[in-house]
Structure formats: C-alpha cells, structure tokens
Protein backbone atom coordinates (compact mmCIF):
# COMPACT_ATOMS: atom_id res chain seq x y z
CA MET A 1 -40.27 -0.56 -23.75
CA THR A 2 -43.53 -1.86 -25.21
CA ASN A 3 -46.84 -1.45 -23.42
CA THR A 4 -48.38 -4.88 -24.01
CA THR A 5 -51.80 -3.82 -22.70
CA GLN A 6 -52.12 -1.04 -25.27
CA ALA A 7 -50.74 -3.27 -28.02
CA LEU A 8 -53.29 -5.98 -27.19
CA ALA A 9 -56.11 -3.42 -27.11
CA SER A 10 -55.00 -2.23 -30.54
CA ASP A 11 -55.18 -5.78 -31.88
CA TYR A 12 -58.70 -6.25 -30.52
CA LEU A 13 -59.86 -2.97 -32.05
CA VAL A 14 -58.48 -3.91 -35.46
CA TRP A 15 -60.17 -7.31 -35.32
CA GLY A 16 -63.39 -5.58 -34.32
CA ALA A 17 -63.02 -3.22 -37.28
CA VAL A 18 -62.69 -6.21 -39.62
CA VAL A 19 -65.98 -7.64 -38.35
CA VAL A 20 -67.79 -4.29 -38.54
CA LEU A 21 -66.49 -3.62 -42.05
CA ALA A 22 -67.78 -7.02 -43.15
CA LEU A 23 -71.23 -6.07 -41.86
CA ALA A 24 -70.97 -2.65 -43.53
CA LEU A 25 -70.08 -4.30 -46.84
CA LEU A 26 -73.17 -6.50 -46.56
CA ALA A 27 -75.39 -3.48 -45.81
CA PHE A 28 -73.96 -1.42 -48.68
CA SER A 29 -74.39 -4.36 -51.06
CA VAL A 30 -78.05 -4.71 -50.09
CA HIS A 31 -78.42 -0.95 -50.55
CA LEU A 32 -77.09 -1.14 -54.10
CA ALA A 33 -79.38 -4.05 -54.92
CA VAL A 34 -82.51 -2.45 -53.43
CA THR A 35 -81.82 1.00 -54.86
CA GLY A 36 -80.95 -0.33 -58.29
CA SER A 37 -84.10 -2.44 -58.42
CA ALA A 38 -86.23 0.51 -57.31
CA ARG A 39 -84.77 2.80 -59.98
CA THR A 40 -85.19 0.16 -62.65
CA ARG A 41 -88.85 -0.37 -61.71
CA ARG A 42 -89.52 3.39 -61.68
CA ALA A 43 -87.92 3.79 -65.10
CA ASP A 44 -89.89 0.88 -66.55
CA ARG A 45 -93.14 2.19 -65.06
CA ALA A 46 -92.72 5.89 -65.83
CA GLU A 47 -90.97 5.93 -69.19
CA PRO A 48 -92.33 4.35 -72.38
CA ALA A 49 -89.71 2.53 -74.41
CA ASP A 50 -89.80 5.10 -77.21
CA ASP A 51 -89.07 7.92 -74.72
CA ARG A 52 -85.84 6.46 -73.37
CA ALA A 53 -83.58 7.02 -76.36
CA PRO A 54 -83.87 10.84 -76.36
CA ARG A 55 -83.12 11.00 -72.65
CA ALA A 56 -80.10 8.73 -73.00
CA ALA A 57 -78.75 11.05 -75.68
CA VAL A 58 -78.89 13.98 -73.27
CA VAL A 59 -76.72 12.36 -70.62
CA GLY A 60 -73.30 13.92 -70.60
CA ALA A 61 -74.25 16.47 -73.23
CA GLY A 62 -74.18 19.41 -70.85
CA VAL A 63 -77.10 21.72 -71.79
CA THR A 64 -79.54 21.01 -74.59
CA GLY A 65 -82.84 22.59 -75.43
CA SER A 66 -84.01 26.02 -74.55
CA GLY A 67 -86.09 25.41 -71.40
CA GLU A 68 -84.71 26.30 -68.00
CA GLY A 69 -82.79 23.30 -66.65
CA ALA A 70 -83.31 21.30 -69.83
CA GLY A 71 -80.65 18.65 -70.26
CA ARG A 72 -78.61 19.80 -67.29
CA LEU A 73 -76.97 17.12 -65.18
CA ASP A 74 -76.33 17.37 -61.48
CA ALA A 75 -73.06 16.39 -59.79
CA ASP A 76 -74.01 12.72 -59.88
CA GLY A 77 -74.94 12.69 -63.56
CA LEU A 78 -78.68 12.71 -62.91
CA ASP A 79 -81.32 14.90 -64.54
CA PRO A 80 -82.72 17.43 -62.03
CA ALA A 81 -85.44 18.49 -64.49
CA ARG A 82 -87.49 15.43 -63.64
CA THR A 83 -90.62 15.99 -61.59
CA ALA A 84 -89.24 13.75 -58.85
CA ARG A 85 -85.50 13.40 -58.85
CA THR A 86 -83.27 10.91 -57.06
CA ASP A 87 -80.31 11.81 -54.92
CA GLY A 88 -76.86 10.17 -55.00
CA ALA A 89 -78.05 7.35 -52.76
CA GLY A 90 -81.08 6.51 -54.84
CA SER A 91 -83.97 7.82 -52.76
CA ASP A 92 -86.78 9.94 -54.10
CA VAL A 93 -86.41 13.62 -53.25
CA THR A 94 -89.41 15.81 -53.89
CA GLU A 95 -88.85 19.04 -55.76
CA SER A 96 -90.84 21.00 -53.23
CA THR A 97 -89.46 22.25 -49.93
CA GLY A 98 -91.54 19.78 -48.00
CA GLY A 99 -88.60 17.50 -47.20
CA THR A 100 -87.10 14.28 -48.51
CA THR A 101 -89.48 11.69 -47.11
CA PRO A 102 -91.46 9.85 -49.82
CA PRO A 103 -95.27 9.90 -49.56
CA GLY A 104 -96.62 7.31 -47.16
CA HIS A 105 -93.29 6.85 -45.42
CA PRO A 106 -92.98 7.73 -41.70
CA ALA A 107 -91.41 11.13 -41.18
CA GLY A 108 -87.92 11.13 -39.75
CA SER A 109 -87.05 7.58 -40.86
CA PRO A 110 -84.87 6.61 -43.82
CA ALA A 111 -86.54 6.08 -47.17
CA PRO A 112 -86.85 2.39 -48.11
CA THR A 113 -84.05 2.58 -50.67
CA ARG A 114 -81.75 4.38 -48.22
CA ARG A 115 -82.21 2.36 -45.06
CA TRP A 116 -79.53 -0.23 -45.74
CA GLY A 117 -77.13 2.39 -47.03
CA VAL A 118 -77.53 4.46 -43.87
CA VAL A 119 -76.86 1.35 -41.78
CA GLY A 120 -73.75 0.65 -43.84
CA LEU A 121 -72.53 4.22 -43.39
CA GLN A 122 -73.07 4.11 -39.63
CA LEU A 123 -71.15 0.83 -39.44
CA THR A 124 -68.39 2.36 -41.54
CA TRP A 125 -68.09 5.28 -39.12
CA LEU A 126 -67.86 2.79 -36.25
CA ALA A 127 -65.17 0.82 -38.09
CA THR A 128 -63.31 4.05 -38.85
CA PHE A 129 -63.24 4.88 -35.15
CA ALA A 130 -62.01 1.38 -34.33
CA VAL A 131 -59.21 1.44 -36.91
CA VAL A 132 -58.04 4.93 -35.97
CA ALA A 133 -58.17 4.10 -32.26
CA GLY A 134 -56.30 0.85 -32.89
CA THR A 135 -53.65 2.72 -34.86
CA VAL A 136 -53.25 5.33 -32.10
CA LEU A 137 -52.95 2.66 -29.42
CA ARG A 138 -50.36 0.86 -31.53
CA ALA A 139 -48.34 4.09 -31.63
CA LEU A 140 -48.73 4.70 -27.90
CA SER A 141 -47.69 1.15 -27.08
CA VAL A 142 -44.24 1.74 -28.59
CA SER A 143 -44.02 5.56 -28.19
CA ARG A 144 -43.42 6.21 -31.88
CA ALA A 145 -45.24 6.78 -35.16
CA PRO A 146 -46.98 3.58 -36.31
CA LEU A 147 -45.07 3.45 -39.59
CA GLY A 148 -42.31 0.91 -39.03
CA ASN A 149 -43.55 -2.19 -40.89
CA MET A 150 -46.14 -3.50 -43.36
CA TYR A 151 -48.76 -4.11 -40.69
CA GLU A 152 -48.60 -0.56 -39.38
CA PHE A 153 -48.46 0.85 -42.90
CA ALA A 154 -51.70 -1.01 -43.66
CA LEU A 155 -53.40 0.35 -40.54
CA VAL A 156 -52.52 3.94 -41.41
CA THR A 157 -53.53 3.52 -45.06
CA VAL A 158 -56.94 2.07 -44.17
CA SER A 159 -57.40 4.79 -41.52
CA PHE A 160 -56.82 7.50 -44.14
CA ALA A 161 -59.10 5.82 -46.71
CA LEU A 162 -61.97 5.45 -44.25
CA LEU A 163 -61.51 8.96 -42.87
CA VAL A 164 -61.61 10.45 -46.38
CA TYR A 165 -64.74 8.49 -47.29
CA SER A 166 -66.45 9.22 -43.97
CA GLY A 167 -65.67 12.93 -44.28
CA TRP A 168 -66.83 12.98 -47.89
CA SER A 169 -70.08 11.28 -46.96
CA LEU A 170 -70.80 14.06 -44.45
CA ARG A 171 -70.71 16.65 -47.24
CA ARG A 172 -72.27 14.66 -50.10
CA ASP A 173 -74.50 11.63 -50.28
CA ARG A 174 -72.10 8.83 -51.16
CA LEU A 175 -73.97 5.74 -49.99
CA TRP A 176 -73.59 4.22 -53.46
CA LEU A 177 -69.80 4.35 -53.08
CA GLY A 178 -69.66 2.59 -49.72
CA ALA A 179 -69.28 -0.97 -50.99
CA PHE A 180 -66.46 0.07 -53.33
CA ILE A 181 -64.51 1.62 -50.43
CA VAL A 182 -65.28 -0.88 -47.69
CA LEU A 183 -64.27 -3.91 -49.79
CA PRO A 184 -60.59 -2.94 -50.33
CA ALA A 185 -60.37 -1.63 -46.75
CA LEU A 186 -61.63 -4.99 -45.49
CA LEU A 187 -59.22 -6.92 -47.69
CA ILE A 188 -56.24 -4.83 -46.59
CA LEU A 189 -57.08 -5.11 -42.90
CA GLY A 190 -57.74 -8.83 -43.22
CA ALA A 191 -54.41 -9.41 -44.97
CA ALA A 192 -52.66 -7.24 -42.38
CA ARG A 193 -54.04 -9.29 -39.50
CA LEU A 194 -53.63 -12.71 -41.10
CA TRP A 195 -50.35 -12.43 -43.01
CA TRP A 196 -48.56 -9.14 -42.31
CA TYR A 197 -48.96 -8.90 -38.55
CA THR A 198 -45.87 -7.87 -36.62
CA GLU A 199 -45.58 -7.65 -32.85
CA ALA A 200 -45.32 -4.11 -31.49
CA SER A 201 -41.63 -3.27 -31.10
CA GLN A 202 -39.16 -0.43 -31.38
CA LEU A 203 -37.82 0.85 -34.69
CA MET A 204 -34.58 -0.39 -36.15
CA PRO A 205 -31.94 2.39 -36.12
CA ALA A 206 -32.15 3.00 -39.90
CA LEU A 207 -35.80 4.06 -39.54
CA ASP A 208 -35.42 6.28 -36.50
CA ASN A 209 -35.59 9.52 -38.43
CA ILE A 210 -38.05 12.40 -38.83
CA TRP A 211 -38.21 11.62 -42.54
CA LEU A 212 -39.96 8.37 -41.66
CA VAL A 213 -42.94 10.37 -40.41
CA ILE A 214 -42.87 12.79 -43.35
CA HIS A 215 -42.19 10.36 -46.17
CA VAL A 216 -44.29 7.39 -45.07
CA THR A 217 -47.25 9.45 -43.86
CA ILE A 218 -47.57 11.13 -47.25
CA ALA A 219 -47.11 7.77 -48.99
CA THR A 220 -49.92 6.17 -46.96
CA LEU A 221 -52.23 9.12 -47.65
CA SER A 222 -51.42 8.88 -51.36
CA ILE A 223 -52.18 5.16 -51.45
CA ALA A 224 -55.44 5.73 -49.58
CA LEU A 225 -56.49 8.24 -52.26
CA PHE A 226 -55.31 5.91 -55.03
CA THR A 227 -57.47 3.19 -53.46
CA ILE A 228 -60.52 5.46 -53.56
CA GLY A 229 -59.60 6.43 -57.11
CA ALA A 230 -59.41 2.77 -58.12
CA ALA A 231 -62.83 2.16 -56.52
CA LEU A 232 -64.34 5.04 -58.50
CA ALA A 233 -62.57 3.91 -61.68
CA THR A 234 -64.01 0.41 -61.31
CA ALA A 235 -67.49 1.83 -60.76
CA TYR A 236 -67.09 4.05 -63.82
CA LEU A 237 -65.97 1.23 -66.12
CA LEU A 238 -68.84 -1.00 -65.02
CA LYS A 239 -71.41 1.76 -65.41
CA ASP A 240 -69.99 2.92 -68.74
CA ARG A 241 -70.09 -0.61 -70.17
CA ALA A 242 -73.72 -0.99 -69.07
CA GLU A 243 -74.71 2.34 -70.61
CA ARG A 244 -72.98 1.44 -73.86
CA ARG A 245 -75.02 -1.75 -73.99
CA GLY A 246 -78.30 0.12 -73.78
CA GLY A 247 -78.76 1.11 -70.15
CA ALA A 248 -77.82 0.11 -66.64
CA ASP A 249 -80.24 -1.96 -64.62
CA GLY A 250 -79.96 -4.04 -61.48
CA TRP A 251 -77.51 -2.76 -58.89
CA LEU A 252 -75.67 -0.70 -61.50
CA ALA A 253 -78.72 1.54 -61.75
CA ALA A 254 -77.94 2.72 -58.21
CA LEU A 255 -74.71 4.35 -59.39
CA PRO A 256 -74.46 7.89 -60.81
CA GLY A 257 -73.99 8.36 -64.52
CA ALA A 258 -70.75 7.19 -66.10
CA GLN A 259 -69.55 10.72 -66.89
CA ALA A 260 -70.04 11.83 -63.29
CA LEU A 261 -68.11 8.79 -62.03
CA GLU A 262 -65.29 9.51 -64.45
CA ARG A 263 -65.05 13.13 -63.30
CA MET A 264 -64.82 12.00 -59.67
CA THR A 265 -62.15 9.46 -60.61
CA TYR A 266 -60.08 12.17 -62.25
CA GLY A 267 -60.60 14.58 -59.34
CA ILE A 268 -59.30 12.09 -56.77
CA HIS A 269 -56.19 11.40 -58.84
CA ILE A 270 -55.54 15.11 -59.23
CA PHE A 271 -55.16 15.25 -55.43
CA ALA A 272 -53.27 11.97 -55.07
CA PHE A 273 -50.62 12.42 -57.75
CA PRO A 274 -48.86 15.51 -56.27
CA LEU A 275 -48.78 13.75 -52.89
CA TRP A 276 -47.13 10.71 -54.45
CA THR A 277 -44.68 13.02 -56.18
CA PHE A 278 -43.79 14.52 -52.80
CA ALA A 279 -43.40 11.02 -51.34
CA LEU A 280 -40.99 10.15 -54.15
CA VAL A 281 -38.92 13.31 -53.66
CA SER A 282 -38.88 13.10 -49.86
CA GLY A 283 -37.78 9.49 -50.10
CA ALA A 284 -34.81 10.58 -52.21
CA VAL A 285 -33.90 13.24 -49.65
CA TRP A 286 -34.08 10.68 -46.84
CA ALA A 287 -31.97 8.25 -48.88
CA GLU A 288 -29.25 10.88 -49.27
CA GLN A 289 -29.15 11.42 -45.51
CA ALA A 290 -29.21 7.70 -44.68
CA TRP A 291 -27.09 6.18 -47.44
CA GLY A 292 -25.24 9.10 -49.01
CA ARG A 293 -27.04 9.03 -52.37
CA TYR A 294 -30.38 10.26 -53.65
CA TRP A 295 -31.13 7.32 -55.91
CA GLY A 296 -29.78 3.78 -56.18
CA TRP A 297 -32.39 1.85 -58.19
CA ASP A 298 -33.31 -0.19 -55.16
CA PRO A 299 -36.42 -2.34 -55.96
CA LYS A 300 -38.63 -0.15 -53.77
CA GLU A 301 -37.29 3.04 -55.31
CA THR A 302 -37.73 1.65 -58.80
CA TRP A 303 -41.34 0.60 -58.28
CA THR A 304 -42.17 3.89 -56.59
CA PHE A 305 -40.95 5.61 -59.74
CA VAL A 306 -42.86 3.15 -61.97
CA ILE A 307 -46.07 4.02 -60.11
CA TRP A 308 -45.36 7.71 -60.62
CA VAL A 309 -44.81 7.17 -64.36
CA VAL A 310 -48.03 5.16 -64.81
CA TYR A 311 -50.18 7.72 -62.99
CA ALA A 312 -48.49 10.54 -64.90
CA ALA A 313 -49.38 8.66 -68.08
CA TYR A 314 -53.00 8.45 -66.90
CA LEU A 315 -53.24 12.19 -66.27
CA HIS A 316 -51.59 12.90 -69.62
CA ALA A 317 -53.91 10.49 -71.43
CA ARG A 318 -56.92 12.03 -69.69
CA ALA A 319 -55.92 15.45 -71.04
CA THR A 320 -55.14 14.19 -74.55
CA THR A 321 -57.94 14.36 -77.09
CA GLY A 322 -56.76 11.21 -78.85
CA TRP A 323 -57.53 9.08 -75.81
CA SER A 324 -60.99 8.06 -74.67
CA THR A 325 -61.77 8.48 -70.99
CA ARG A 326 -62.35 4.73 -70.77
CA ARG A 327 -58.87 3.87 -72.04
CA ALA A 328 -57.30 6.49 -69.78
CA THR A 329 -59.13 5.04 -66.77
CA VAL A 330 -57.73 1.61 -67.57
CA VAL A 331 -54.27 3.18 -67.25
CA ALA A 332 -55.24 4.49 -63.81
CA LEU A 333 -56.24 0.97 -62.75
CA ALA A 334 -52.90 -0.29 -64.07
CA GLY A 335 -51.25 2.25 -61.76
CA PHE A 336 -53.15 0.83 -58.81
CA GLY A 337 -52.05 -2.63 -59.85
CA CYS A 338 -48.46 -1.38 -59.61
CA VAL A 339 -49.24 -0.04 -56.12
CA ILE A 340 -50.40 -3.52 -55.07
CA LEU A 341 -47.28 -5.14 -56.55
CA ASN A 342 -45.06 -2.59 -54.81
CA TYR A 343 -46.71 -3.22 -51.47
CA THR A 344 -46.84 -7.02 -51.65
CA VAL A 345 -44.38 -8.61 -54.06
CA VAL A 346 -41.63 -5.99 -53.68
CA ASN A 347 -41.94 -5.85 -49.90
CA LEU A 348 -42.10 -9.60 -49.34
CA LEU A 349 -40.07 -11.18 -52.14
CA MET A 350 -37.43 -8.66 -53.20
CA THR A 351 -34.40 -7.88 -51.10
CA GLY A 352 -33.10 -4.34 -50.91
CA LEU A 353 -32.34 -1.42 -48.63
CA HIS A 354 -36.11 -1.00 -48.05
CA SER A 355 -36.67 -4.51 -46.64
CA TYR A 356 -38.53 -3.32 -43.56
CA SER A 357 -41.75 -5.28 -43.88
CA GLY A 358 -41.28 -7.00 -40.52
CA VAL A 359 -42.89 -10.14 -41.97
CA SER A 360 -41.01 -13.41 -41.65
CA THR A 361 -40.71 -14.99 -45.08
C-alpha cells in the first residue's frame, strides 16, 4: 500500500527545495562577485605592480625565507603572514584576538563580503532539510528504502551531496564553494522532477533484497562525493588558468589558490574511490545471488567498471611524476562525465538486466 498523503508531501518538499536552491545559487553567485571584486580592489590598492611578482612566486612553494611564517600558505592557499589576512569566504580577519568584524562594521553582523554567502549557506541548509525530509517521506509512503528508481536515486544522491557540504561548512568556511555545489544539486533535482519522476510504488520482486540498500546506498554516496570532486576540479582548473595568465581577478579572486583547490579535489576522490570500489564489488555479489553469475557485461555493469577504471587512472596519474596536476584533474572530470552517461544514457536508452529507471521512454 502507498500512503498518498506522504508521497504528495514529499513531492511538495522536493519542489520547495528546487526553489530554495535556486535562491541559494543566486546568493552564492553574488557572494563570489562581491568578494572577488573586494579582493581585487584591495590587491590593486595595497600592492604596487612591482611587488606582485615575488608574492606570486611564493604561492605553492611551501616555505621560503627565514622569517617566521614567511611564505607559508594556509589550508586555502592564502598567505597568513599578511598584516590583515582573508578567510576562505573572502572577509577580512584581523590578526589580533579582537574578533573578525572589520573596522566600522556593526558588531555581530556579517562582513560586507560575507553577507550574501551567509544567506546562501542558510538557504542551502534549508534546502538540505527539505530534500532529506522529502526523501524520508518518500520512503515512509511506500515502507521501503527510497532506492527503487532513477527519481529516488537522484533524491538520495542530492541529499548526500548537500549533507556533506553542509557538514563541511560547519567545520570550515566554504562559502566560496557553495555555488559549485548548489548548481549540480539544482540541476539533478530539476531533472528528477521534470523528466525522471516516478509515482511512489512498491519494488519489483528483483529489487526486493537487502543488497539493494547496501549496494545502491554506497553508490549514491560515491556519486555525491564525485559530484563534489567535480565541482572542486572545475574550480581548480578555472583558478589555475587564471593564475597562469598572470593572476585571478573578478569572481575568481574569491576562490582559494589553485594548489589548495587541487589538494581538496584529490582528497575528496581519495574518499570516493574506495566507496565506488565497494559498490562495484557488492553489485557483483548481488548479481550472483539474483542471476547466478557475478559478471555478465550488462551495460550498467560495464559502465560501472569504466567509471572505476577512469577514476583509478586519475589517482594513478595524480601520483605519477610525469603527469601535471592539471592533466590529471582533467581525467577526474572525464570520470564524472562517465558517471553522467551511466546515469542518463545507460539508464534511459540501453536495455539490460539493470533497466529499473522507472521512466517511461
């Protein structure tokens, strides 16, 4: 039996999340523009042109010079040795213990360059609650895990991605990353509502297995992390190109240094890849129980393996001295492209034992 009231409430919550995420994307975009402009103006006002080249040479060089803190970079690729440093969101933070409010700004209120980012983050938390609540209600409406079709898969994936970002933002200032996370989440939810929507219903017998919960849950978490990794990789490539051309200005100035972005990109993939490996292996175990063989080169199985190979190639290239970090990151983005193909083209256009999208084609 399906509880139509709970299913309808789930639909409303997801639609509400789409609207809130659109507003969050707008706020984060304004934050990047305002913060980038502020940093560019400060750099132009405080640093003579002939002083910029030596500082640019220090970025990414680890420790140079003999003074305490000279040349050291913080976690976001910024130089903490400056008299007034900027945090990961772009606001001025005084070196003294007097707090983080810039001079002349009302105490207790966000700094001018942070205000829009804080609004975007608050909207993102609201959207996260709506998506998670909508996913839970979807599960309650059919008394099963919400993992039976493309629509539910999308809900769980976006829930994981937003939860990871929201949790990360509680520990570190990640306002600059908000737009890069909210955009794919918004696109996935929008596509799920407009094109992949499936009425709440019971599972087909082939999916009524504990391995559905194990295998698909890990797969959705992996894809959520790959999505965040792709967002960071895109930010890194844009920032790196700007720095190679002489310096980032405009909204790109709001982002951390290229090397810091690349390290975060690699760190996310280090977590995601073992999870995808487990999803691949658990899928084979489930296939043996359901169909009597571990592997059959079904289109879904094949593309799952292709994704594994591409991300393994990225990690190998990242650890190989002959590869630049930029070229290796391009491989990571190619892996995410394979994830998109696997989730859309393979699910909707290829027929196989994994044709459980629930979408009428």
